[in-house]
Protein backbone atom coordinates (compact mmCIF):
# COMPACT_ATOMS: atom_id res chain seq x y z
CA UNK A 1 20.62 34.61 -51.57
CA UNK A 2 17.98 32.12 -50.44
CA UNK A 3 18.50 30.78 -46.91
CA UNK A 4 19.96 27.31 -47.54
CA UNK A 5 20.98 26.23 -44.02
CA UNK A 6 20.38 22.54 -43.36
CA UNK A 7 19.22 22.02 -46.93
CA UNK A 8 20.39 18.83 -48.63
CA UNK A 9 21.44 18.36 -52.25
CA UNK A 10 22.11 15.12 -54.12
CA UNK A 11 24.75 15.23 -56.88
CA UNK A 12 24.60 12.33 -59.34
CA UNK A 13 27.61 12.18 -61.66
CA UNK A 14 30.50 9.80 -62.42
CA UNK A 15 32.97 12.61 -63.21
CA UNK A 16 35.04 13.32 -60.04
CA UNK A 17 36.04 16.84 -61.16
CA UNK A 18 32.45 17.92 -61.82
CA UNK A 19 31.26 16.41 -58.54
CA UNK A 20 33.97 18.28 -56.67
CA UNK A 21 33.12 21.60 -58.33
CA UNK A 22 29.41 21.14 -57.56
CA UNK A 23 30.13 20.11 -53.95
CA UNK A 24 32.42 23.10 -53.28
CA UNK A 25 29.88 25.53 -54.80
CA UNK A 26 26.92 24.09 -52.92
CA UNK A 27 28.82 23.87 -49.61
CA UNK A 28 29.73 27.56 -49.94
CA UNK A 29 26.03 28.27 -50.46
CA UNK A 30 25.29 26.52 -47.15
CA UNK A 31 23.96 23.21 -48.51
CA UNK A 32 24.88 19.76 -47.26
CA UNK A 33 25.87 17.58 -50.22
CA UNK A 34 25.62 13.88 -50.98
CA UNK A 35 27.12 12.28 -54.09
CA UNK A 36 26.29 9.21 -56.15
CA UNK A 37 28.30 8.06 -59.17
CA UNK A 38 25.54 5.89 -60.64
CA UNK A 39 21.77 5.51 -60.83
CA UNK A 40 21.60 2.63 -58.33
CA UNK A 41 23.36 4.59 -55.56
CA UNK A 42 21.22 7.67 -56.28
CA UNK A 43 17.98 5.67 -55.95
CA UNK A 44 19.21 4.15 -52.68
CA UNK A 45 19.97 7.61 -51.24
CA UNK A 46 16.61 8.99 -52.42
CA UNK A 47 14.80 6.12 -50.72
CA UNK A 48 16.61 6.68 -47.42
CA UNK A 49 16.13 10.44 -46.99
CA UNK A 50 14.50 13.58 -48.41
CA UNK A 51 16.49 16.02 -50.56
CA UNK A 52 15.78 19.66 -51.35
CA UNK A 53 17.53 19.48 -54.72
CA UNK A 54 18.96 16.86 -57.06
CA UNK A 55 21.54 17.52 -59.79
CA UNK A 56 22.16 14.71 -62.27
CA UNK A 57 24.35 14.22 -65.32
CA UNK A 58 22.55 13.02 -68.45
CA UNK A 59 24.89 10.05 -68.96
CA UNK A 60 25.36 7.62 -66.07
CA UNK A 61 27.14 4.22 -66.05
CA UNK A 62 23.90 2.29 -65.43
CA UNK A 63 21.26 4.55 -67.01
CA UNK A 64 20.58 8.19 -67.87
CA UNK A 65 19.47 11.36 -66.18
CA UNK A 66 16.00 11.32 -67.75
CA UNK A 67 15.27 7.97 -66.05
CA UNK A 68 16.15 9.60 -62.73
CA UNK A 69 14.02 12.67 -63.51
CA UNK A 70 10.98 10.44 -64.15
CA UNK A 71 11.59 8.41 -61.00
CA UNK A 72 11.89 11.54 -58.84
CA UNK A 73 8.75 13.01 -60.45
CA UNK A 74 6.84 9.88 -59.54
CA UNK A 75 8.19 9.16 -56.04
CA UNK A 76 9.55 12.51 -54.78
CA UNK A 77 7.45 15.21 -56.52
CA UNK A 78 8.55 17.96 -54.11
CA UNK A 79 12.26 17.50 -54.95
CA UNK A 80 13.34 19.77 -57.83
CA UNK A 81 15.76 17.97 -60.16
CA UNK A 82 18.08 19.67 -62.65
CA UNK A 83 20.10 17.93 -65.34
CA UNK A 84 23.66 18.60 -66.47
CA UNK A 85 23.99 18.38 -70.25
CA UNK A 86 26.87 18.50 -72.71
CA UNK A 87 27.44 21.92 -74.27
CA UNK A 88 25.07 22.58 -77.16
CA UNK A 89 23.03 19.43 -76.62
CA UNK A 90 19.67 21.16 -76.41
CA UNK A 91 17.77 18.07 -77.55
CA UNK A 92 18.56 16.20 -74.29
CA UNK A 93 17.86 19.33 -72.24
CA UNK A 94 14.41 19.68 -73.82
CA UNK A 95 13.69 15.97 -73.26
CA UNK A 96 14.59 16.37 -69.59
CA UNK A 97 12.33 19.41 -69.20
CA UNK A 98 9.45 17.54 -70.84
CA UNK A 99 10.05 14.65 -68.41
CA UNK A 100 9.65 17.05 -65.47
CA UNK A 101 13.13 18.43 -64.78
CA UNK A 102 13.13 21.75 -62.95
CA UNK A 103 15.90 23.17 -65.15
CA UNK A 104 19.19 22.30 -66.84
CA UNK A 105 22.76 23.55 -66.86
CA UNK A 106 25.30 22.98 -69.64
CA UNK A 107 28.96 21.94 -69.39
CA UNK A 108 31.31 23.64 -68.83
CA UNK A 109 29.28 24.90 -65.89
CA UNK A 110 28.93 28.68 -65.60
CA UNK A 111 28.97 29.24 -61.83
CA UNK A 112 26.65 32.29 -61.93
CA UNK A 113 24.05 30.34 -63.93
CA UNK A 114 24.55 27.38 -61.59
CA UNK A 115 24.03 29.46 -58.44
CA UNK A 116 20.89 31.07 -59.87
CA UNK A 117 19.50 27.63 -60.65
CA UNK A 118 20.27 26.35 -57.14
CA UNK A 119 18.75 29.39 -55.42
CA UNK A 120 15.52 29.05 -57.46
CA UNK A 121 15.32 25.31 -56.73
CA UNK A 122 15.90 25.74 -52.99
CA UNK A 123 13.35 28.54 -52.83
CA UNK A 124 10.82 26.34 -54.62
CA UNK A 125 11.56 23.45 -52.25
CA UNK A 126 11.29 25.73 -49.20
CA UNK A 127 7.98 27.25 -50.34
CA UNK A 128 6.44 24.07 -51.78
CA UNK A 129 3.80 23.91 -49.07
CA UNK A 130 2.87 27.56 -49.61
CA UNK A 131 2.63 27.60 -53.40
CA UNK A 132 -1.09 27.31 -54.05
CA UNK A 133 -3.46 28.98 -56.49
CA UNK A 134 -4.13 32.54 -55.33
CA UNK A 135 -7.35 33.31 -53.51
CA UNK A 136 -7.19 36.86 -54.86
CA UNK A 137 -9.82 37.07 -57.63
CA UNK A 138 -7.56 39.38 -59.65
CA UNK A 139 -4.85 36.71 -59.71
CA UNK A 140 -6.78 33.53 -60.27
CA UNK A 141 -8.84 32.02 -63.04
CA UNK A 142 -12.47 32.11 -61.91
CA UNK A 143 -14.82 29.21 -62.50
CA UNK A 144 -15.80 25.75 -61.30
CA UNK A 145 -15.95 23.90 -64.63
CA UNK A 146 -13.91 20.74 -65.24
CA UNK A 147 -11.89 22.57 -67.92
CA UNK A 148 -10.88 25.38 -65.54
CA UNK A 149 -10.20 23.02 -62.63
CA UNK A 150 -7.84 21.07 -64.88
CA UNK A 151 -6.21 24.29 -66.11
CA UNK A 152 -5.54 25.46 -62.55
CA UNK A 153 -3.95 22.09 -61.72
CA UNK A 154 -1.68 22.29 -64.78
CA UNK A 155 -0.65 25.85 -63.89
CA UNK A 156 0.29 24.76 -60.35
CA UNK A 157 2.44 21.96 -61.79
CA UNK A 158 4.10 24.20 -64.40
CA UNK A 159 4.92 26.75 -61.68
CA UNK A 160 7.30 24.18 -60.17
CA UNK A 161 9.45 24.15 -63.31
CA UNK A 162 11.64 26.53 -65.25
CA UNK A 163 10.67 24.94 -68.58
CA UNK A 164 9.51 27.27 -71.38
CA UNK A 165 5.73 27.06 -71.80
CA UNK A 166 3.75 27.92 -74.93
CA UNK A 167 0.20 29.00 -74.08
CA UNK A 168 -2.34 28.54 -76.86
CA UNK A 169 -5.93 29.72 -77.01
CA UNK A 170 -8.34 32.05 -78.77
CA UNK A 171 -8.08 35.83 -78.39
CA UNK A 172 -9.59 37.06 -75.14
CA UNK A 173 -9.57 33.69 -73.33
CA UNK A 174 -7.01 34.64 -70.63
CA UNK A 175 -3.57 33.55 -71.90
CA UNK A 176 -1.73 36.39 -70.14
CA UNK A 177 -3.51 35.63 -66.87
CA UNK A 178 -2.42 31.97 -67.15
CA UNK A 179 1.19 33.11 -67.71
CA UNK A 180 1.02 35.50 -64.76
CA UNK A 181 -0.27 32.72 -62.49
CA UNK A 182 2.57 30.39 -63.53
CA UNK A 183 4.95 33.19 -62.50
CA UNK A 184 3.18 34.08 -59.23
CA UNK A 185 2.99 30.46 -58.04
CA UNK A 186 6.64 29.74 -58.86
CA UNK A 187 10.10 30.44 -57.45
CA UNK A 188 10.38 33.72 -59.40
CA UNK A 189 7.30 35.36 -57.87
CA UNK A 190 9.37 38.01 -56.02
CA UNK A 191 10.91 39.19 -59.31
CA UNK A 192 9.33 41.00 -62.29
CA UNK A 193 6.72 39.58 -64.63
CA UNK A 194 7.24 41.46 -67.90
CA UNK A 195 4.53 40.98 -70.58
CA UNK A 196 5.26 42.17 -74.12
CA UNK A 197 3.00 42.12 -77.18
CA UNK A 198 5.37 41.06 -79.96
CA UNK A 199 2.98 42.34 -82.63
CA UNK A 200 2.92 45.86 -81.22
CA UNK A 201 6.66 46.64 -81.53
CA UNK A 202 7.86 48.22 -84.81
CA UNK A 203 10.31 45.88 -86.58
CA UNK A 204 13.11 48.45 -86.65
CA UNK A 205 12.93 48.92 -82.84
CA UNK A 206 12.58 45.25 -81.87
CA UNK A 207 16.23 44.45 -81.12
CA UNK A 208 16.57 47.59 -79.00
CA UNK A 209 13.30 46.88 -77.14
CA UNK A 210 14.28 43.30 -76.33
CA UNK A 211 18.01 43.66 -75.64
CA UNK A 212 18.50 47.38 -74.95
CA UNK A 213 21.05 49.70 -76.55
CA UNK A 214 24.08 51.82 -75.81
CA UNK A 215 24.07 55.60 -76.11
CA UNK A 216 24.89 56.70 -79.67
CA UNK A 217 24.44 53.21 -81.16
CA UNK A 218 21.94 54.62 -83.67
CA UNK A 219 20.18 57.90 -84.50
CA UNK A 220 17.93 58.79 -81.58
CA UNK A 221 19.81 56.67 -79.00
CA UNK A 222 20.49 59.63 -76.69
CA UNK A 223 21.15 57.46 -73.63
CA UNK A 224 21.70 53.85 -72.60
CA UNK A 225 18.50 51.81 -72.51
CA UNK A 226 17.72 48.64 -70.59
CA UNK A 227 15.83 46.11 -72.72
CA UNK A 228 12.95 43.82 -71.78
CA UNK A 229 15.27 40.88 -71.07
CA UNK A 230 17.19 42.87 -68.45
CA UNK A 231 13.96 44.31 -67.04
CA UNK A 232 12.75 40.74 -66.45
CA UNK A 233 16.06 39.53 -64.97
CA UNK A 234 15.38 37.08 -62.16
CA UNK A 235 11.73 36.85 -63.19
CA UNK A 236 9.61 35.96 -66.20
CA UNK A 237 9.39 37.38 -69.72
CA UNK A 238 6.00 36.73 -71.34
CA UNK A 239 6.06 36.94 -75.14
CA UNK A 240 2.44 37.44 -76.18
CA UNK A 241 1.57 36.90 -79.86
CA UNK A 242 5.04 35.45 -80.41
CA UNK A 243 3.97 34.33 -83.91
CA UNK A 244 4.15 37.97 -85.00
CA UNK A 245 7.94 38.14 -84.57
CA UNK A 246 9.77 38.67 -87.89
CA UNK A 247 12.17 35.85 -88.89
CA UNK A 248 15.27 38.01 -88.34
CA UNK A 249 14.23 38.66 -84.74
CA UNK A 250 13.40 35.00 -84.21
CA UNK A 251 17.07 34.12 -84.83
CA UNK A 252 18.27 36.63 -82.22
CA UNK A 253 15.64 35.56 -79.72
CA UNK A 254 16.67 31.91 -80.09
CA UNK A 255 20.30 32.76 -79.42
CA UNK A 256 19.42 34.81 -76.33
CA UNK A 257 17.31 31.95 -74.93
CA UNK A 258 19.95 29.28 -75.60
CA UNK A 259 22.94 31.29 -74.40
CA UNK A 260 21.07 32.86 -71.47
CA UNK A 261 22.82 36.09 -72.40
CA UNK A 262 22.03 39.21 -74.43
CA UNK A 263 24.09 41.82 -76.26
CA UNK A 264 22.59 45.34 -76.30
CA UNK A 265 22.70 47.18 -79.64
CA UNK A 266 26.06 48.93 -79.89
CA UNK A 267 27.63 46.90 -77.07
CA UNK A 268 30.59 44.55 -77.55
CA UNK A 269 29.91 42.52 -74.42
CA UNK A 270 27.32 39.82 -73.72
CA UNK A 271 25.46 40.14 -70.43
CA UNK A 272 24.06 37.05 -68.65
CA UNK A 273 20.32 37.05 -67.91
CA UNK A 274 18.36 34.74 -65.65
CA UNK A 275 14.77 34.64 -66.89
CA UNK A 276 12.01 32.17 -67.61
CA UNK A 277 10.39 32.42 -71.03
CA UNK A 278 6.62 32.01 -71.38
CA UNK A 279 4.99 32.68 -74.75
CA UNK A 280 1.53 32.70 -76.27
CA UNK A 281 -0.39 33.05 -79.52
CA UNK A 282 -3.86 32.46 -80.88
CA UNK A 283 -2.23 31.26 -84.12
CA UNK A 284 -1.21 27.69 -84.96
CA UNK A 285 2.58 27.80 -84.61
CA UNK A 286 3.11 24.28 -85.99
CA UNK A 287 1.27 25.30 -89.15
CA UNK A 288 3.37 28.47 -89.45
CA UNK A 289 6.53 26.34 -89.13
CA UNK A 290 5.39 24.20 -92.09
CA UNK A 291 4.69 27.37 -94.08
CA UNK A 292 8.19 28.71 -93.34
CA UNK A 293 6.85 31.70 -91.38
CA UNK A 294 8.19 30.57 -87.99
CA UNK A 295 11.58 28.99 -87.28
CA UNK A 296 11.37 25.30 -86.36
CA UNK A 297 14.32 25.51 -83.92
CA UNK A 298 12.69 28.41 -82.03
CA UNK A 299 9.34 26.59 -82.05
CA UNK A 300 10.86 23.55 -80.29
CA UNK A 301 12.71 25.79 -77.84
CA UNK A 302 9.68 27.79 -76.65
CA UNK A 303 7.17 24.96 -77.01
CA UNK A 304 8.79 22.55 -74.53
CA UNK A 305 5.45 22.29 -72.73
CA UNK A 306 2.14 23.41 -74.24
CA UNK A 307 -0.77 24.76 -72.21
CA UNK A 308 -4.20 25.10 -73.80
CA UNK A 309 -6.54 27.74 -72.36
CA UNK A 310 -10.19 26.84 -73.08
CA UNK A 311 -12.59 29.21 -74.80
CA UNK A 312 -15.59 30.53 -72.88
CA UNK A 313 -17.84 28.30 -75.04
CA UNK A 314 -16.05 25.30 -73.56
CA UNK A 315 -16.92 26.32 -69.99
CA UNK A 316 -20.43 27.75 -70.20
CA UNK A 317 -21.13 26.95 -66.54
CA UNK A 318 -18.53 29.55 -65.53
CA UNK A 319 -20.33 32.45 -67.25
CA UNK A 320 -22.56 33.39 -64.23
CA UNK A 321 -19.52 33.45 -61.89
CA UNK A 322 -17.52 35.60 -64.29
CA UNK A 323 -20.48 37.90 -65.01
CA UNK A 324 -21.10 38.56 -61.31
CA UNK A 325 -17.37 39.20 -60.73
CA UNK A 326 -17.05 41.68 -63.63
CA UNK A 327 -20.25 43.46 -62.63
CA UNK A 328 -18.91 43.93 -59.11
CA UNK A 329 -15.55 45.21 -60.40
CA UNK A 330 -17.13 47.60 -62.93
CA UNK A 331 -19.66 48.93 -60.45
CA UNK A 332 -16.87 49.73 -58.02
CA UNK A 333 -14.85 51.44 -60.79
CA UNK A 334 -17.77 53.66 -61.84
CA UNK A 335 -18.64 54.61 -58.26
CA UNK A 336 -21.99 52.78 -57.99
CA UNK A 337 -23.00 52.17 -54.40
CA UNK A 338 -25.43 49.39 -55.29
CA UNK A 339 -24.52 46.62 -57.74
CA UNK A 340 -27.32 45.93 -60.25
CA UNK A 341 -28.55 42.33 -60.52
CA UNK A 342 -29.27 40.38 -63.70
CA UNK A 343 -32.83 39.54 -64.66
CA UNK A 344 -33.47 35.86 -65.38
CA UNK A 345 -33.85 36.68 -69.08
CA UNK A 346 -30.50 38.51 -69.20
CA UNK A 347 -28.64 35.71 -67.42
CA UNK A 348 -30.21 33.12 -69.72
CA UNK A 349 -29.14 35.15 -72.76
CA UNK A 350 -25.54 35.38 -71.51
CA UNK A 351 -25.35 31.63 -70.90
CA UNK A 352 -26.65 30.89 -74.39
CA UNK A 353 -24.50 33.44 -76.23
CA UNK A 354 -21.44 32.01 -78.05
CA UNK A 355 -18.87 34.68 -77.00
CA UNK A 356 -16.54 34.69 -80.01
CA UNK A 357 -14.44 37.24 -78.09
CA UNK A 358 -14.35 35.04 -74.97
CA UNK A 359 -13.86 36.48 -71.46
CA UNK A 360 -12.69 39.85 -72.79
CA UNK A 361 -15.94 40.20 -74.77
CA UNK A 362 -18.02 39.30 -71.71
CA UNK A 363 -16.34 42.09 -69.74
CA UNK A 364 -16.91 44.60 -72.57
CA UNK A 365 -20.61 43.64 -72.88
CA UNK A 366 -21.13 44.09 -69.13
CA UNK A 367 -19.31 47.44 -69.13
CA UNK A 368 -21.66 48.63 -71.86
CA UNK A 369 -24.73 47.23 -70.04
CA UNK A 370 -23.76 48.99 -66.84
CA UNK A 371 -23.56 52.30 -68.69
CA UNK A 372 -26.93 51.74 -70.37
CA UNK A 373 -28.98 50.63 -67.37
CA UNK A 374 -30.41 53.30 -65.09
CA UNK A 375 -32.05 50.97 -62.64
CA UNK A 376 -31.28 48.23 -60.14
CA UNK A 377 -31.36 45.47 -62.74
CA UNK A 378 -29.63 44.59 -66.00
CA UNK A 379 -32.13 43.32 -68.54
CA UNK A 380 -31.72 41.67 -71.93
CA UNK A 381 -32.07 45.00 -73.72
CA UNK A 382 -29.17 46.44 -71.67
CA UNK A 383 -26.83 43.68 -72.85
CA UNK A 384 -27.21 44.69 -76.50
CA UNK A 385 -25.85 41.29 -77.56
CA UNK A 386 -24.57 41.42 -81.16
CA UNK A 387 -26.37 39.37 -83.75
CA UNK A 388 -24.35 36.35 -84.84
CA UNK A 389 -25.00 33.35 -87.06
CA UNK A 390 -26.95 30.55 -85.48
CA UNK A 391 -24.84 27.89 -83.78
CA UNK A 392 -26.44 25.09 -85.78
CA UNK A 393 -25.74 26.77 -89.12
CA UNK A 394 -24.13 24.04 -91.21
CA UNK A 395 -21.73 26.55 -92.72
CA UNK A 396 -20.39 27.47 -89.27
CA UNK A 397 -17.17 25.68 -88.36
CA UNK A 398 -16.89 25.10 -84.60
CA UNK A 399 -13.22 26.01 -84.74
CA UNK A 400 -14.02 29.44 -86.18
CA UNK A 401 -16.48 31.32 -83.96
CA UNK A 402 -18.87 33.84 -85.54
CA UNK A 403 -17.64 37.32 -86.26
CA UNK A 404 -18.40 39.99 -83.70
CA UNK A 405 -19.47 43.45 -84.78
CA UNK A 406 -17.63 46.03 -82.73
CA UNK A 407 -19.53 47.03 -79.62
CA UNK A 408 -17.38 50.14 -79.18
CA UNK A 409 -18.14 51.35 -82.72
CA UNK A 410 -21.89 50.78 -82.26
CA UNK A 411 -21.91 52.58 -78.93
CA UNK A 412 -19.82 55.48 -80.18
CA UNK A 413 -22.13 55.96 -83.15
CA UNK A 414 -25.22 55.99 -80.89
CA UNK A 415 -23.69 58.52 -78.48
CA UNK A 416 -22.45 60.82 -81.25
CA UNK A 417 -25.86 60.73 -82.92
CA UNK A 418 -27.57 61.70 -79.67
CA UNK A 419 -25.07 64.50 -79.06
CA UNK A 420 -25.56 65.85 -82.58
CA UNK A 421 -29.34 65.81 -82.22
CA UNK A 422 -29.15 67.69 -78.91
CA UNK A 423 -26.44 70.10 -80.18
CA UNK A 424 -23.97 68.57 -77.70
CA UNK A 425 -26.16 69.18 -74.69
CA UNK A 426 -24.90 66.32 -72.49
CA UNK A 427 -27.87 66.38 -70.11
CA UNK A 428 -30.35 66.13 -73.01
CA UNK A 429 -28.23 63.50 -74.80
CA UNK A 430 -28.04 61.37 -71.65
CA UNK A 431 -31.81 61.53 -71.27
CA UNK A 432 -32.30 60.54 -74.92
CA UNK A 433 -29.95 57.57 -74.48
CA UNK A 434 -31.62 56.49 -71.23
CA UNK A 435 -28.46 57.21 -69.23
CA UNK A 436 -27.68 59.33 -66.21
CA UNK A 437 -25.34 62.28 -66.82
CA UNK A 438 -22.65 60.48 -64.78
CA UNK A 439 -22.98 57.37 -66.95
CA UNK A 440 -22.71 59.39 -70.15
CA UNK A 441 -19.60 61.20 -68.91
CA UNK A 442 -18.02 57.88 -68.04
CA UNK A 443 -18.76 56.49 -71.52
CA UNK A 444 -17.41 59.66 -73.22
CA UNK A 445 -14.19 59.32 -71.23
CA UNK A 446 -13.92 55.60 -72.01
CA UNK A 447 -14.43 56.18 -75.75
CA UNK A 448 -12.13 59.18 -75.85
CA UNK A 449 -14.83 61.59 -77.03
CA UNK A 450 -14.17 65.23 -76.11
């Protein structure tokens, strides 16, 4: 349990029984409690002292909880505020989260859910001065552009909430990294971050993968299995490519999110889970809802707050920073003692290339270039940039970047051709390709060529 000594909580509710229950629970957790039965008294208390947590009912005699959430967001941004909603009233809960509430709890209050909420809020309040974007390059979004500066600021703000976030952006732009940063900068950082690609799980195994199963529940279930929800308990579950979930699974996912509980396949008991849901897709979910391919109720539940990750074309000035970082990482991985530098022509070409595959494509291009160069510099010819349609082509829609021919396929074909011509003499093939033997071996391993 989070150390809560000398922490102060404000309870705003006009129901004496609920106030008493909240006070007893919080006092047992080591918090000092203050109560207000209306909005006016709550504002007066907030103006007179600092609180580490505020709990407010949605309906108050002289206003509503969302008004208080907005006021606290504006005047006391370091005070997490959670709202108490009527059972099943998800619409108000979502409104509160959009207004900046840390989290919500439904009546009748489940004490385990309530304690989890309080512990997360107190931890967030305690660590508020320490929660900053990571200085570790592996766990931060590199770049100095206005788009990336704004993205980092949004991530820091979203980390202070438990609201579900839908992350949208093109393939390869860094959606999983954004999700991981929201987790690492938040109150759940000490617990697991579990990413799952929804499009990579066979439909018939989905329920078991998400919720787990009991031994003997179906053919092949030789032992009990913990699902992804339980694996993420206390932390964050990141649903990548959530648009690929079949409709039947969408129904079950919605129930698990709303009830904060899961039932493993073959089990007769529901098990509570305490997780934050982050999701992502490169597809337009709103459009899929209109087409009947994605449930509207699930869409509104996971899309409480939307975060847009910019494409690499929208932050061209960050390309040199990213290129230097990837080159350093790749050089270290391949055992190079000296990191090659870019020629002016190569750097100019990178800055002017459209990168339909975004940051992921940049990394792949540099990995290929590093394998091809045998000197101290990376030149334009080493980059092997794919040919794409001209940017000013009137037929090219800006929202649909040009198609990228597969670098891996091209490279594999070149290597196999050289090996065939040299009768699989690796030394001769490396020489023909302009590579060192070490570089060729690395590429063969990377491409899975035996």
